[in-house]
Amino acid sequence: MVDTGAGAHLRRLPRWHPYFQFAVRFDIEPEQEVGPQLRSLGIGAGDVKTVVLTHLHVDHDGGLAHFPTSRVLADSDEIARTAGVSGALLGYLPSRWPKWFDPQPLAWQPLRHGPFARSARITEAGDIIAVPTPGHTPSHIAVIVRDGDDEIMLAGDASYLETTMLHGVVDGVSPDEAVAKATLAAIRSSCAGSRTIYLPTYDPKSGERLRERRVATTAERD
């Protein structure tokens, strides 16, 4: 499982934080959370052995409570970024995490994957790996699933849309636009070098592209 989505508890956000007060609102019912959605597909919480978090914003870790027995992986710097007052000011809400939550840091290796200088194996076989995609947060990651001749990139918030990635447009929240642009360029390079199905979290066409096995192509910029 890559990211766990939002949870109904996010309908009650801290009012002292201006971002939560003025810029974001969640409208999600308990039955829409990741756990019930997986159960509707015949997948129980115990079937999910590993959860990988692209980053620790509330709309990506809000469903953690559904996976109490799963191994949870995240970047160590991203985990550290959530701590203390500075973490709260940055919009992280560790107080909302389950008490058992103790993520394991990704084991980065200097093993290049396309344009990415390092990677971290999620599976022993190496058919699922993480790559660094800083921008939305400084330690944001994406997860690549090798599936035959295709690579499925679960991109989190590296961009909000495939089209903005292809055009090199920084969208959403990014503390360093130059870093975000460099990541988008690396993703385009990856798409040019392999058959990549690019699936950012908020792109409404991600599900359609996955069903149709539609690969991203830099030719679409034209």
N, C-alpha and C. Protein backbone atom coordinates (compact mmCIF):
# COMPACT_ATOMS: atom_id res chain seq x y z
N MET A 1 0.85 -1.18 0.00
CA MET A 1 0.00 0.00 0.00
C MET A 1 0.89 1.24 0.00
N VAL A 2 0.67 2.13 -0.96
CA VAL A 2 1.41 3.39 -1.00
C VAL A 2 0.47 4.50 -0.57
N ASP A 3 0.77 5.10 0.59
CA ASP A 3 -0.04 6.12 1.24
C ASP A 3 -1.38 5.54 1.69
N THR A 4 -1.99 6.20 2.66
CA THR A 4 -3.23 5.66 3.24
C THR A 4 -4.39 6.64 3.13
N GLY A 5 -4.19 7.74 2.43
CA GLY A 5 -5.29 8.65 2.18
C GLY A 5 -5.73 9.44 3.41
N ALA A 6 -6.86 10.07 3.27
CA ALA A 6 -7.42 10.89 4.35
C ALA A 6 -8.31 10.03 5.25
N GLY A 7 -8.66 10.58 6.41
CA GLY A 7 -9.56 9.92 7.33
C GLY A 7 -10.65 10.86 7.78
N ALA A 8 -11.76 10.30 8.22
CA ALA A 8 -12.89 11.12 8.64
C ALA A 8 -12.52 12.04 9.80
N HIS A 9 -11.51 11.67 10.60
CA HIS A 9 -11.10 12.52 11.72
C HIS A 9 -10.54 13.86 11.25
N LEU A 10 -10.17 13.94 9.96
CA LEU A 10 -9.62 15.20 9.44
C LEU A 10 -10.69 16.25 9.19
N ARG A 11 -11.95 15.89 9.39
CA ARG A 11 -12.99 16.92 9.30
C ARG A 11 -12.91 17.87 10.49
N ARG A 12 -12.14 17.50 11.51
CA ARG A 12 -11.93 18.35 12.68
C ARG A 12 -10.45 18.66 12.78
N LEU A 13 -10.03 19.72 12.13
CA LEU A 13 -8.62 20.10 12.07
C LEU A 13 -8.32 21.20 13.08
N PRO A 14 -7.06 21.34 13.48
CA PRO A 14 -6.68 22.41 14.42
C PRO A 14 -7.00 23.79 13.86
N ARG A 15 -7.76 24.55 14.60
CA ARG A 15 -8.18 25.86 14.10
C ARG A 15 -7.10 26.93 14.29
N TRP A 16 -6.07 26.61 15.11
CA TRP A 16 -5.03 27.61 15.34
C TRP A 16 -4.09 27.75 14.15
N HIS A 17 -4.08 26.74 13.27
CA HIS A 17 -3.16 26.77 12.13
C HIS A 17 -3.85 27.43 10.93
N PRO A 18 -3.30 28.52 10.41
CA PRO A 18 -3.99 29.25 9.33
C PRO A 18 -4.21 28.40 8.08
N TYR A 19 -3.29 27.47 7.80
CA TYR A 19 -3.49 26.63 6.62
C TYR A 19 -4.72 25.75 6.78
N PHE A 20 -4.84 25.12 7.94
CA PHE A 20 -6.00 24.27 8.17
C PHE A 20 -7.28 25.08 8.32
N GLN A 21 -7.16 26.31 8.77
CA GLN A 21 -8.34 27.14 8.98
C GLN A 21 -8.87 27.72 7.67
N PHE A 22 -7.95 28.12 6.78
CA PHE A 22 -8.39 28.89 5.62
C PHE A 22 -8.17 28.19 4.27
N ALA A 23 -7.26 27.22 4.20
CA ALA A 23 -6.84 26.73 2.89
C ALA A 23 -7.24 25.29 2.57
N VAL A 24 -7.72 24.54 3.55
CA VAL A 24 -8.00 23.15 3.26
C VAL A 24 -9.22 22.68 4.04
N ARG A 25 -9.99 21.79 3.42
CA ARG A 25 -11.15 21.20 4.09
C ARG A 25 -11.31 19.78 3.59
N PHE A 26 -11.57 18.85 4.48
CA PHE A 26 -11.76 17.45 4.10
C PHE A 26 -13.22 17.07 4.29
N ASP A 27 -13.75 16.38 3.31
CA ASP A 27 -15.14 15.92 3.36
C ASP A 27 -15.12 14.42 3.05
N ILE A 28 -14.93 13.61 4.07
CA ILE A 28 -14.80 12.17 3.88
C ILE A 28 -15.55 11.45 4.99
N GLU A 29 -16.30 10.43 4.62
CA GLU A 29 -17.04 9.63 5.58
C GLU A 29 -16.24 8.39 5.95
N PRO A 30 -16.49 7.80 7.13
CA PRO A 30 -15.71 6.62 7.54
C PRO A 30 -15.70 5.50 6.50
N GLU A 31 -16.82 5.28 5.84
CA GLU A 31 -16.87 4.18 4.87
C GLU A 31 -16.07 4.48 3.60
N GLN A 32 -15.63 5.72 3.44
CA GLN A 32 -14.81 6.09 2.28
C GLN A 32 -13.32 5.95 2.56
N GLU A 33 -12.96 5.64 3.78
CA GLU A 33 -11.55 5.51 4.12
C GLU A 33 -10.94 4.27 3.46
N VAL A 34 -9.63 4.19 3.49
CA VAL A 34 -8.92 3.14 2.77
C VAL A 34 -9.28 1.74 3.27
N GLY A 35 -9.47 1.56 4.57
CA GLY A 35 -9.78 0.24 5.10
C GLY A 35 -11.06 -0.33 4.53
N PRO A 36 -12.20 0.37 4.66
CA PRO A 36 -13.44 -0.14 4.07
C PRO A 36 -13.35 -0.30 2.55
N GLN A 37 -12.63 0.58 1.89
CA GLN A 37 -12.51 0.47 0.44
C GLN A 37 -11.75 -0.80 0.05
N LEU A 38 -10.70 -1.13 0.79
CA LEU A 38 -9.98 -2.36 0.52
C LEU A 38 -10.84 -3.58 0.82
N ARG A 39 -11.59 -3.53 1.92
CA ARG A 39 -12.45 -4.67 2.26
C ARG A 39 -13.48 -4.93 1.18
N SER A 40 -13.94 -3.86 0.53
CA SER A 40 -14.92 -4.04 -0.55
C SER A 40 -14.30 -4.78 -1.74
N LEU A 41 -12.97 -4.79 -1.80
CA LEU A 41 -12.25 -5.51 -2.86
C LEU A 41 -11.78 -6.89 -2.38
N GLY A 42 -12.14 -7.23 -1.14
CA GLY A 42 -11.73 -8.51 -0.60
C GLY A 42 -10.35 -8.51 0.01
N ILE A 43 -9.83 -7.34 0.33
CA ILE A 43 -8.50 -7.22 0.91
C ILE A 43 -8.63 -6.76 2.35
N GLY A 44 -8.19 -7.58 3.29
CA GLY A 44 -8.24 -7.22 4.70
C GLY A 44 -6.98 -6.52 5.14
N ALA A 45 -7.04 -5.85 6.30
CA ALA A 45 -5.87 -5.13 6.82
C ALA A 45 -4.68 -6.07 6.98
N GLY A 46 -4.93 -7.31 7.39
CA GLY A 46 -3.84 -8.26 7.58
C GLY A 46 -3.19 -8.69 6.29
N ASP A 47 -3.85 -8.44 5.16
CA ASP A 47 -3.28 -8.80 3.86
C ASP A 47 -2.24 -7.79 3.40
N VAL A 48 -2.27 -6.61 4.00
CA VAL A 48 -1.34 -5.54 3.61
C VAL A 48 -0.09 -5.66 4.48
N LYS A 49 0.98 -6.19 3.92
CA LYS A 49 2.19 -6.44 4.70
C LYS A 49 3.04 -5.18 4.88
N THR A 50 3.01 -4.29 3.88
CA THR A 50 3.87 -3.11 3.93
C THR A 50 3.10 -1.88 3.48
N VAL A 51 3.25 -0.79 4.20
CA VAL A 51 2.72 0.51 3.82
C VAL A 51 3.91 1.44 3.60
N VAL A 52 3.95 2.10 2.46
CA VAL A 52 5.01 3.07 2.17
C VAL A 52 4.37 4.45 2.08
N LEU A 53 4.93 5.41 2.80
CA LEU A 53 4.41 6.77 2.81
C LEU A 53 5.30 7.66 1.95
N THR A 54 4.71 8.27 0.93
CA THR A 54 5.49 9.19 0.09
C THR A 54 5.92 10.41 0.88
N HIS A 55 5.10 10.81 1.84
CA HIS A 55 5.42 11.87 2.78
C HIS A 55 4.37 11.80 3.88
N LEU A 56 4.49 12.66 4.88
CA LEU A 56 3.66 12.50 6.07
C LEU A 56 2.64 13.61 6.26
N HIS A 57 2.15 14.16 5.18
CA HIS A 57 1.05 15.10 5.28
C HIS A 57 -0.24 14.37 5.63
N VAL A 58 -1.17 15.11 6.23
CA VAL A 58 -2.35 14.47 6.82
C VAL A 58 -3.23 13.75 5.80
N ASP A 59 -3.21 14.18 4.54
CA ASP A 59 -4.05 13.54 3.54
C ASP A 59 -3.39 12.30 2.95
N HIS A 60 -2.21 11.96 3.43
CA HIS A 60 -1.52 10.76 2.97
C HIS A 60 -1.31 9.75 4.10
N ASP A 61 -1.36 10.21 5.34
CA ASP A 61 -1.20 9.27 6.46
C ASP A 61 -2.48 9.14 7.30
N GLY A 62 -3.57 9.71 6.82
CA GLY A 62 -4.81 9.75 7.60
C GLY A 62 -5.47 8.40 7.81
N GLY A 63 -5.10 7.39 7.01
CA GLY A 63 -5.71 6.08 7.15
C GLY A 63 -4.82 5.05 7.82
N LEU A 64 -3.77 5.50 8.50
CA LEU A 64 -2.83 4.58 9.12
C LEU A 64 -3.49 3.63 10.11
N ALA A 65 -4.52 4.09 10.79
CA ALA A 65 -5.15 3.26 11.83
C ALA A 65 -5.68 1.94 11.29
N HIS A 66 -5.86 1.84 9.98
CA HIS A 66 -6.38 0.61 9.39
C HIS A 66 -5.31 -0.47 9.22
N PHE A 67 -4.04 -0.15 9.52
CA PHE A 67 -2.96 -1.08 9.25
C PHE A 67 -2.07 -1.32 10.46
N PRO A 68 -2.65 -1.78 11.57
CA PRO A 68 -1.88 -1.90 12.81
C PRO A 68 -0.79 -2.97 12.78
N THR A 69 -0.89 -3.93 11.88
CA THR A 69 0.10 -5.00 11.84
C THR A 69 1.05 -4.88 10.65
N SER A 70 0.93 -3.82 9.87
CA SER A 70 1.76 -3.66 8.68
C SER A 70 3.10 -3.01 9.02
N ARG A 71 4.11 -3.38 8.25
CA ARG A 71 5.37 -2.64 8.29
C ARG A 71 5.14 -1.30 7.60
N VAL A 72 5.55 -0.20 8.22
CA VAL A 72 5.37 1.12 7.63
C VAL A 72 6.74 1.72 7.34
N LEU A 73 6.95 2.17 6.11
CA LEU A 73 8.22 2.73 5.68
C LEU A 73 8.04 4.19 5.27
N ALA A 74 9.04 5.01 5.62
CA ALA A 74 9.06 6.41 5.20
C ALA A 74 10.50 6.88 5.21
N ASP A 75 10.76 7.99 4.57
CA ASP A 75 12.10 8.55 4.58
C ASP A 75 12.44 9.08 5.97
N SER A 76 13.67 8.82 6.44
CA SER A 76 14.05 9.21 7.80
C SER A 76 14.02 10.72 8.00
N ASP A 77 14.41 11.49 6.98
CA ASP A 77 14.38 12.95 7.11
C ASP A 77 12.95 13.46 7.15
N GLU A 78 12.07 12.81 6.42
CA GLU A 78 10.65 13.19 6.45
C GLU A 78 10.07 12.91 7.84
N ILE A 79 10.45 11.79 8.42
CA ILE A 79 9.98 11.47 9.77
C ILE A 79 10.47 12.52 10.75
N ALA A 80 11.75 12.89 10.67
CA ALA A 80 12.32 13.88 11.58
C ALA A 80 11.67 15.24 11.42
N ARG A 81 11.25 15.55 10.22
CA ARG A 81 10.66 16.86 9.92
C ARG A 81 9.34 17.09 10.64
N THR A 82 8.69 16.03 11.07
CA THR A 82 7.38 16.15 11.71
C THR A 82 7.45 16.52 13.18
N ALA A 83 8.63 16.50 13.75
CA ALA A 83 8.76 16.61 15.21
C ALA A 83 8.60 18.04 15.72
N GLY A 84 8.10 18.15 16.94
CA GLY A 84 8.11 19.40 17.70
C GLY A 84 7.24 20.50 17.11
N VAL A 85 7.50 21.72 17.60
CA VAL A 85 6.73 22.89 17.18
C VAL A 85 6.93 23.17 15.70
N SER A 86 8.17 23.01 15.22
CA SER A 86 8.43 23.28 13.81
C SER A 86 7.62 22.35 12.92
N GLY A 87 7.50 21.09 13.33
CA GLY A 87 6.69 20.15 12.57
C GLY A 87 5.23 20.56 12.53
N ALA A 88 4.72 21.02 13.68
CA ALA A 88 3.33 21.47 13.74
C ALA A 88 3.11 22.68 12.84
N LEU A 89 4.07 23.60 12.83
CA LEU A 89 3.94 24.80 11.99
C LEU A 89 3.98 24.44 10.51
N LEU A 90 4.69 23.35 10.19
CA LEU A 90 4.76 22.91 8.80
C LEU A 90 3.52 22.12 8.38
N GLY A 91 2.61 21.89 9.32
CA GLY A 91 1.35 21.24 8.98
C GLY A 91 1.30 19.76 9.24
N TYR A 92 2.32 19.21 9.90
CA TYR A 92 2.27 17.80 10.27
C TYR A 92 1.46 17.64 11.56
N LEU A 93 0.76 16.52 11.65
CA LEU A 93 -0.08 16.29 12.82
C LEU A 93 0.23 14.93 13.45
N PRO A 94 1.43 14.76 14.02
CA PRO A 94 1.76 13.47 14.63
C PRO A 94 0.83 13.08 15.78
N SER A 95 0.17 14.07 16.39
CA SER A 95 -0.77 13.74 17.47
C SER A 95 -1.95 12.93 16.96
N ARG A 96 -2.19 12.96 15.65
CA ARG A 96 -3.30 12.19 15.06
C ARG A 96 -2.88 10.76 14.68
N TRP A 97 -1.59 10.44 14.80
CA TRP A 97 -1.14 9.10 14.42
C TRP A 97 -1.58 8.08 15.46
N PRO A 98 -1.78 6.83 15.06
CA PRO A 98 -2.05 5.77 16.05
C PRO A 98 -0.89 5.64 17.03
N LYS A 99 -1.18 5.24 18.24
CA LYS A 99 -0.14 5.14 19.26
C LYS A 99 0.95 4.14 18.88
N TRP A 100 0.60 3.14 18.10
CA TRP A 100 1.57 2.13 17.71
C TRP A 100 2.47 2.57 16.57
N PHE A 101 2.20 3.71 15.97
CA PHE A 101 2.91 4.12 14.75
C PHE A 101 4.39 4.36 15.03
N ASP A 102 5.24 3.59 14.39
CA ASP A 102 6.69 3.69 14.55
C ASP A 102 7.33 3.33 13.21
N PRO A 103 7.33 4.26 12.26
CA PRO A 103 7.76 3.93 10.90
C PRO A 103 9.24 3.56 10.82
N GLN A 104 9.56 2.64 9.94
CA GLN A 104 10.94 2.28 9.68
C GLN A 104 11.49 3.18 8.58
N PRO A 105 12.72 3.66 8.73
CA PRO A 105 13.30 4.49 7.67
C PRO A 105 13.65 3.66 6.44
N LEU A 106 13.45 4.23 5.30
CA LEU A 106 13.84 3.57 4.06
C LEU A 106 15.35 3.33 4.04
N ALA A 107 15.75 2.20 3.51
CA ALA A 107 17.17 1.85 3.43
C ALA A 107 17.71 2.28 2.07
N TRP A 108 18.10 3.53 1.98
CA TRP A 108 18.60 4.06 0.71
C TRP A 108 19.94 3.43 0.36
N GLN A 109 20.13 3.16 -0.93
CA GLN A 109 21.38 2.62 -1.45
C GLN A 109 21.83 3.47 -2.63
N PRO A 110 23.15 3.58 -2.85
CA PRO A 110 23.63 4.36 -4.01
C PRO A 110 23.46 3.58 -5.31
N LEU A 111 22.26 3.08 -5.53
CA LEU A 111 21.95 2.31 -6.72
C LEU A 111 21.08 3.16 -7.63
N ARG A 112 21.65 3.59 -8.73
CA ARG A 112 20.94 4.48 -9.64
C ARG A 112 19.78 3.75 -10.30
N HIS A 113 18.68 4.48 -10.44
CA HIS A 113 17.54 3.99 -11.22
C HIS A 113 17.18 5.08 -12.21
N GLY A 114 17.58 4.90 -13.45
CA GLY A 114 17.36 5.94 -14.44
C GLY A 114 18.04 7.23 -14.01
N PRO A 115 17.29 8.34 -13.97
CA PRO A 115 17.89 9.62 -13.58
C PRO A 115 18.04 9.80 -12.07
N PHE A 116 17.54 8.85 -11.30
CA PHE A 116 17.57 8.98 -9.84
C PHE A 116 18.85 8.36 -9.30
N ALA A 117 19.62 9.14 -8.54
CA ALA A 117 20.95 8.73 -8.12
C ALA A 117 20.95 7.65 -7.05
N ARG A 118 19.84 7.46 -6.36
CA ARG A 118 19.76 6.43 -5.34
C ARG A 118 18.36 5.84 -5.35
N SER A 119 18.23 4.71 -4.69
CA SER A 119 16.94 4.04 -4.62
C SER A 119 16.90 3.19 -3.36
N ALA A 120 15.73 2.74 -3.00
CA ALA A 120 15.55 1.88 -1.82
C ALA A 120 14.61 0.75 -2.20
N ARG A 121 15.05 -0.46 -1.98
CA ARG A 121 14.21 -1.61 -2.28
C ARG A 121 13.08 -1.73 -1.26
N ILE A 122 11.90 -1.94 -1.75
CA ILE A 122 10.75 -2.22 -0.88
C ILE A 122 10.56 -3.73 -0.77
N THR A 123 10.77 -4.42 -1.88
CA THR A 123 10.68 -5.88 -1.90
C THR A 123 12.07 -6.47 -2.11
N GLU A 124 12.27 -7.69 -1.63
CA GLU A 124 13.56 -8.35 -1.81
C GLU A 124 13.89 -8.54 -3.28
N ALA A 125 12.88 -8.79 -4.08
CA ALA A 125 13.10 -9.01 -5.50
C ALA A 125 13.49 -7.74 -6.24
N GLY A 126 13.24 -6.58 -5.63
CA GLY A 126 13.57 -5.32 -6.27
C GLY A 126 12.59 -4.89 -7.33
N ASP A 127 11.42 -5.53 -7.37
CA ASP A 127 10.42 -5.12 -8.37
C ASP A 127 9.59 -3.94 -7.88
N ILE A 128 9.74 -3.58 -6.61
CA ILE A 128 9.13 -2.36 -6.07
C ILE A 128 10.23 -1.58 -5.36
N ILE A 129 10.45 -0.35 -5.78
CA ILE A 129 11.51 0.47 -5.19
C ILE A 129 10.99 1.87 -4.92
N ALA A 130 11.68 2.56 -4.04
CA ALA A 130 11.41 3.98 -3.81
C ALA A 130 12.53 4.79 -4.45
N VAL A 131 12.18 5.97 -4.93
CA VAL A 131 13.17 6.92 -5.46
C VAL A 131 12.88 8.30 -4.87
N PRO A 132 13.92 9.12 -4.69
CA PRO A 132 13.69 10.44 -4.11
C PRO A 132 13.08 11.40 -5.12
N THR A 133 12.02 12.08 -4.69
CA THR A 133 11.36 13.08 -5.54
C THR A 133 11.08 14.34 -4.72
N PRO A 134 12.13 15.01 -4.23
CA PRO A 134 11.92 16.18 -3.38
C PRO A 134 11.24 17.31 -4.13
N GLY A 135 10.49 18.10 -3.39
CA GLY A 135 9.79 19.23 -3.99
C GLY A 135 8.59 19.60 -3.14
N HIS A 136 7.58 18.76 -3.17
CA HIS A 136 6.40 19.01 -2.35
C HIS A 136 6.79 19.08 -0.87
N THR A 137 7.65 18.17 -0.46
CA THR A 137 8.40 18.28 0.80
C THR A 137 9.84 17.96 0.45
N PRO A 138 10.80 18.40 1.29
CA PRO A 138 12.21 18.17 0.95
C PRO A 138 12.60 16.70 0.84
N SER A 139 11.85 15.81 1.48
CA SER A 139 12.20 14.39 1.46
C SER A 139 11.09 13.52 0.87
N HIS A 140 10.29 14.11 0.03
CA HIS A 140 9.21 13.39 -0.65
C HIS A 140 9.80 12.26 -1.49
N ILE A 141 9.09 11.14 -1.57
CA ILE A 141 9.53 10.02 -2.40
C ILE A 141 8.41 9.60 -3.34
N ALA A 142 8.78 8.83 -4.35
CA ALA A 142 7.81 8.14 -5.20
C ALA A 142 8.14 6.66 -5.16
N VAL A 143 7.17 5.84 -5.48
CA VAL A 143 7.34 4.39 -5.49
C VAL A 143 7.14 3.88 -6.91
N ILE A 144 8.09 3.08 -7.37
CA ILE A 144 8.03 2.52 -8.72
C ILE A 144 7.79 1.02 -8.63
N VAL A 145 6.78 0.56 -9.34
CA VAL A 145 6.45 -0.87 -9.42
C VAL A 145 6.79 -1.35 -10.82
N ARG A 146 7.71 -2.29 -10.91
CA ARG A 146 8.05 -2.87 -12.20
C ARG A 146 7.03 -3.96 -12.52
N ASP A 147 6.37 -3.83 -13.65
CA ASP A 147 5.31 -4.76 -14.05
C ASP A 147 5.51 -5.11 -15.52
N GLY A 148 6.25 -6.17 -15.77
CA GLY A 148 6.57 -6.52 -17.15
C GLY A 148 7.44 -5.45 -17.77
N ASP A 149 7.01 -4.95 -18.93
CA ASP A 149 7.77 -3.90 -19.62
C ASP A 149 7.45 -2.51 -19.09
N ASP A 150 6.46 -2.43 -18.20
CA ASP A 150 6.02 -1.13 -17.70
C ASP A 150 6.60 -0.84 -16.31
N GLU A 151 6.73 0.44 -16.02
CA GLU A 151 7.01 0.90 -14.68
C GLU A 151 5.85 1.79 -14.24
N ILE A 152 5.23 1.42 -13.14
CA ILE A 152 4.12 2.21 -12.60
C ILE A 152 4.69 3.09 -11.51
N MET A 153 4.64 4.40 -11.71
CA MET A 153 5.17 5.34 -10.73
C MET A 153 4.04 5.91 -9.90
N LEU A 154 3.98 5.51 -8.64
CA LEU A 154 3.03 6.08 -7.69
C LEU A 154 3.70 7.31 -7.10
N ALA A 155 3.31 8.47 -7.61
CA ALA A 155 4.10 9.68 -7.46
C ALA A 155 3.72 10.56 -6.29
N GLY A 156 2.71 10.17 -5.52
CA GLY A 156 2.31 11.04 -4.40
C GLY A 156 1.97 12.42 -4.90
N ASP A 157 2.59 13.44 -4.29
CA ASP A 157 2.36 14.82 -4.69
C ASP A 157 3.57 15.43 -5.40
N ALA A 158 4.36 14.59 -6.08
CA ALA A 158 5.46 15.13 -6.88
C ALA A 158 4.92 16.16 -7.86
N SER A 159 3.73 15.88 -8.38
CA SER A 159 2.92 16.88 -9.07
C SER A 159 1.48 16.50 -8.79
N TYR A 160 0.57 17.41 -9.03
CA TYR A 160 -0.84 17.08 -8.83
C TYR A 160 -1.44 16.43 -10.07
N LEU A 161 -0.87 16.73 -11.24
CA LEU A 161 -1.39 16.21 -12.50
C LEU A 161 -0.25 15.68 -13.36
N GLU A 162 -0.56 14.74 -14.24
CA GLU A 162 0.44 14.31 -15.20
C GLU A 162 0.83 15.47 -16.13
N THR A 163 -0.16 16.25 -16.54
CA THR A 163 0.12 17.34 -17.49
C THR A 163 1.08 18.37 -16.92
N THR A 164 0.95 18.70 -15.63
CA THR A 164 1.87 19.69 -15.06
C THR A 164 3.28 19.12 -14.96
N MET A 165 3.40 17.82 -14.70
CA MET A 165 4.73 17.20 -14.71
C MET A 165 5.34 17.30 -16.10
N LEU A 166 4.55 16.95 -17.12
CA LEU A 166 5.08 16.94 -18.49
C LEU A 166 5.49 18.34 -18.95
N HIS A 167 4.82 19.36 -18.43
CA HIS A 167 5.15 20.74 -18.81
C HIS A 167 6.11 21.40 -17.84
N GLY A 168 6.54 20.69 -16.81
CA GLY A 168 7.48 21.25 -15.86
C GLY A 168 6.92 22.36 -15.00
N VAL A 169 5.61 22.31 -14.77
CA VAL A 169 4.93 23.34 -13.98
C VAL A 169 4.85 22.89 -12.53
N VAL A 170 5.38 23.68 -11.61
CA VAL A 170 5.30 23.37 -10.18
C VAL A 170 3.91 23.77 -9.70
N ASP A 171 3.19 22.78 -9.17
CA ASP A 171 1.84 23.06 -8.67
C ASP A 171 1.77 22.68 -7.20
N GLY A 172 0.76 23.15 -6.53
CA GLY A 172 0.59 22.82 -5.12
C GLY A 172 1.64 23.47 -4.24
N VAL A 173 1.88 22.83 -3.10
CA VAL A 173 2.81 23.36 -2.10
C VAL A 173 4.21 22.87 -2.42
N SER A 174 5.18 23.77 -2.43
CA SER A 174 6.57 23.38 -2.61
C SER A 174 7.46 24.44 -1.97
N PRO A 175 8.26 24.07 -0.96
CA PRO A 175 9.09 25.06 -0.27
C PRO A 175 10.26 25.56 -1.11
N ASP A 176 10.65 24.83 -2.16
CA ASP A 176 11.77 25.25 -3.00
C ASP A 176 11.43 24.91 -4.45
N GLU A 177 11.07 25.94 -5.20
CA GLU A 177 10.59 25.72 -6.56
C GLU A 177 11.67 25.13 -7.46
N ALA A 178 12.93 25.53 -7.25
CA ALA A 178 14.02 25.00 -8.08
C ALA A 178 14.19 23.50 -7.88
N VAL A 179 14.08 23.06 -6.62
CA VAL A 179 14.17 21.63 -6.33
C VAL A 179 13.01 20.89 -6.97
N ALA A 180 11.81 21.44 -6.86
CA ALA A 180 10.64 20.80 -7.45
C ALA A 180 10.77 20.70 -8.96
N LYS A 181 11.26 21.74 -9.61
CA LYS A 181 11.45 21.72 -11.06
C LYS A 181 12.47 20.65 -11.46
N ALA A 182 13.54 20.52 -10.68
CA ALA A 182 14.54 19.51 -10.98
C ALA A 182 13.95 18.10 -10.86
N THR A 183 13.09 17.90 -9.88
CA THR A 183 12.43 16.59 -9.73
C THR A 183 11.52 16.32 -10.92
N LEU A 184 10.75 17.31 -11.35
CA LEU A 184 9.87 17.11 -12.51
C LEU A 184 10.69 16.77 -13.76
N ALA A 185 11.85 17.41 -13.89
CA ALA A 185 12.73 17.10 -15.03
C ALA A 185 13.24 15.67 -14.94
N ALA A 186 13.58 15.22 -13.73
CA ALA A 186 14.04 13.84 -13.55
C ALA A 186 12.93 12.84 -13.88
N ILE A 187 11.71 13.15 -13.49
CA ILE A 187 10.59 12.26 -13.80
C ILE A 187 10.35 12.21 -15.30
N ARG A 188 10.43 13.35 -15.99
CA ARG A 188 10.28 13.35 -17.44
C ARG A 188 11.37 12.51 -18.10
N SER A 189 12.59 12.62 -17.57
CA SER A 189 13.68 11.81 -18.10
C SER A 189 13.41 10.33 -17.90
N SER A 190 12.87 9.98 -16.73
CA SER A 190 12.51 8.60 -16.45
C SER A 190 11.44 8.11 -17.41
N CYS A 191 10.45 8.96 -17.68
CA CYS A 191 9.38 8.60 -18.62
C CYS A 191 9.93 8.42 -20.03
N ALA A 192 10.93 9.22 -20.40
CA ALA A 192 11.52 9.11 -21.73
C ALA A 192 12.35 7.84 -21.87
N GLY A 193 12.89 7.35 -20.75
CA GLY A 193 13.77 6.20 -20.80
C GLY A 193 13.09 4.87 -20.58
N SER A 194 11.85 4.87 -20.13
CA SER A 194 11.13 3.61 -19.89
C SER A 194 9.63 3.84 -20.04
N ARG A 195 8.91 2.78 -20.24
CA ARG A 195 7.46 2.87 -20.34
C ARG A 195 6.90 3.11 -18.94
N THR A 196 6.54 4.34 -18.66
CA THR A 196 6.13 4.72 -17.31
C THR A 196 4.67 5.14 -17.28
N ILE A 197 3.91 4.47 -16.43
CA ILE A 197 2.53 4.88 -16.16
C ILE A 197 2.60 5.76 -14.92
N TYR A 198 2.33 7.05 -15.10
CA TYR A 198 2.58 8.05 -14.06
C TYR A 198 1.27 8.33 -13.31
N LEU A 199 1.28 8.08 -12.00
CA LEU A 199 0.05 8.16 -11.21
C LEU A 199 0.24 9.07 -9.99
N PRO A 200 0.10 10.38 -10.15
CA PRO A 200 0.08 11.25 -8.98
C PRO A 200 -1.25 11.13 -8.24
N THR A 201 -1.23 11.38 -6.96
CA THR A 201 -2.39 11.11 -6.11
C THR A 201 -3.64 11.86 -6.55
N TYR A 202 -3.50 13.14 -6.87
CA TYR A 202 -4.70 13.97 -7.07
C TYR A 202 -5.14 14.10 -8.52
N ASP A 203 -4.47 13.42 -9.43
CA ASP A 203 -4.87 13.50 -10.83
C ASP A 203 -6.13 12.65 -11.02
N PRO A 204 -7.26 13.25 -11.41
CA PRO A 204 -8.50 12.48 -11.56
C PRO A 204 -8.42 11.44 -12.67
N LYS A 205 -7.40 11.52 -13.53
CA LYS A 205 -7.26 10.57 -14.63
C LYS A 205 -6.28 9.44 -14.31
N SER A 206 -5.73 9.42 -13.10
CA SER A 206 -4.75 8.39 -12.76
C SER A 206 -5.35 6.99 -12.88
N GLY A 207 -6.55 6.78 -12.34
CA GLY A 207 -7.18 5.47 -12.41
C GLY A 207 -7.42 5.03 -13.85
N GLU A 208 -7.84 5.97 -14.67
CA GLU A 208 -8.10 5.66 -16.09
C GLU A 208 -6.81 5.26 -16.79
N ARG A 209 -5.72 5.99 -16.52
CA ARG A 209 -4.44 5.67 -17.16
C ARG A 209 -3.94 4.29 -16.72
N LEU A 210 -4.16 3.95 -15.46
CA LEU A 210 -3.73 2.64 -14.98
C LEU A 210 -4.54 1.53 -15.65
N ARG A 211 -5.85 1.70 -15.74
CA ARG A 211 -6.69 0.69 -16.38
C ARG A 211 -6.29 0.47 -17.83
N GLU A 212 -5.96 1.56 -18.51
CA GLU A 212 -5.64 1.49 -19.93
C GLU A 212 -4.15 1.26 -20.18
N ARG A 213 -3.36 1.17 -19.10
CA ARG A 213 -1.91 1.00 -19.20
C ARG A 213 -1.32 2.09 -20.10
N ARG A 214 -1.79 3.32 -19.91
CA ARG A 214 -1.38 4.43 -20.77
C ARG A 214 -0.11 5.07 -20.21
N VAL A 215 0.94 5.02 -20.97
CA VAL A 215 2.22 5.52 -20.49
C VAL A 215 2.34 7.02 -20.75
N ALA A 216 3.12 7.67 -19.87
CA ALA A 216 3.40 9.09 -20.05
C ALA A 216 4.45 9.24 -21.14
N THR A 217 4.28 10.23 -21.98
CA THR A 217 5.25 10.48 -23.03
C THR A 217 5.53 11.97 -23.11
N THR A 218 6.80 12.30 -23.22
CA THR A 218 7.16 13.72 -23.28
C THR A 218 6.66 14.36 -24.56
N ALA A 219 6.26 13.56 -25.54
CA ALA A 219 5.69 14.12 -26.76
C ALA A 219 4.39 14.86 -26.48
N GLU A 220 3.73 14.49 -25.35
CA GLU A 220 2.45 15.13 -25.00
C GLU A 220 2.62 16.59 -24.63
N ARG A 221 3.87 17.01 -24.39
CA ARG A 221 4.09 18.43 -24.11
C ARG A 221 3.79 19.29 -25.31
N ASP A 222 3.88 18.69 -26.49
CA ASP A 222 3.64 19.44 -27.73
C ASP A 222 2.17 19.36 -28.15
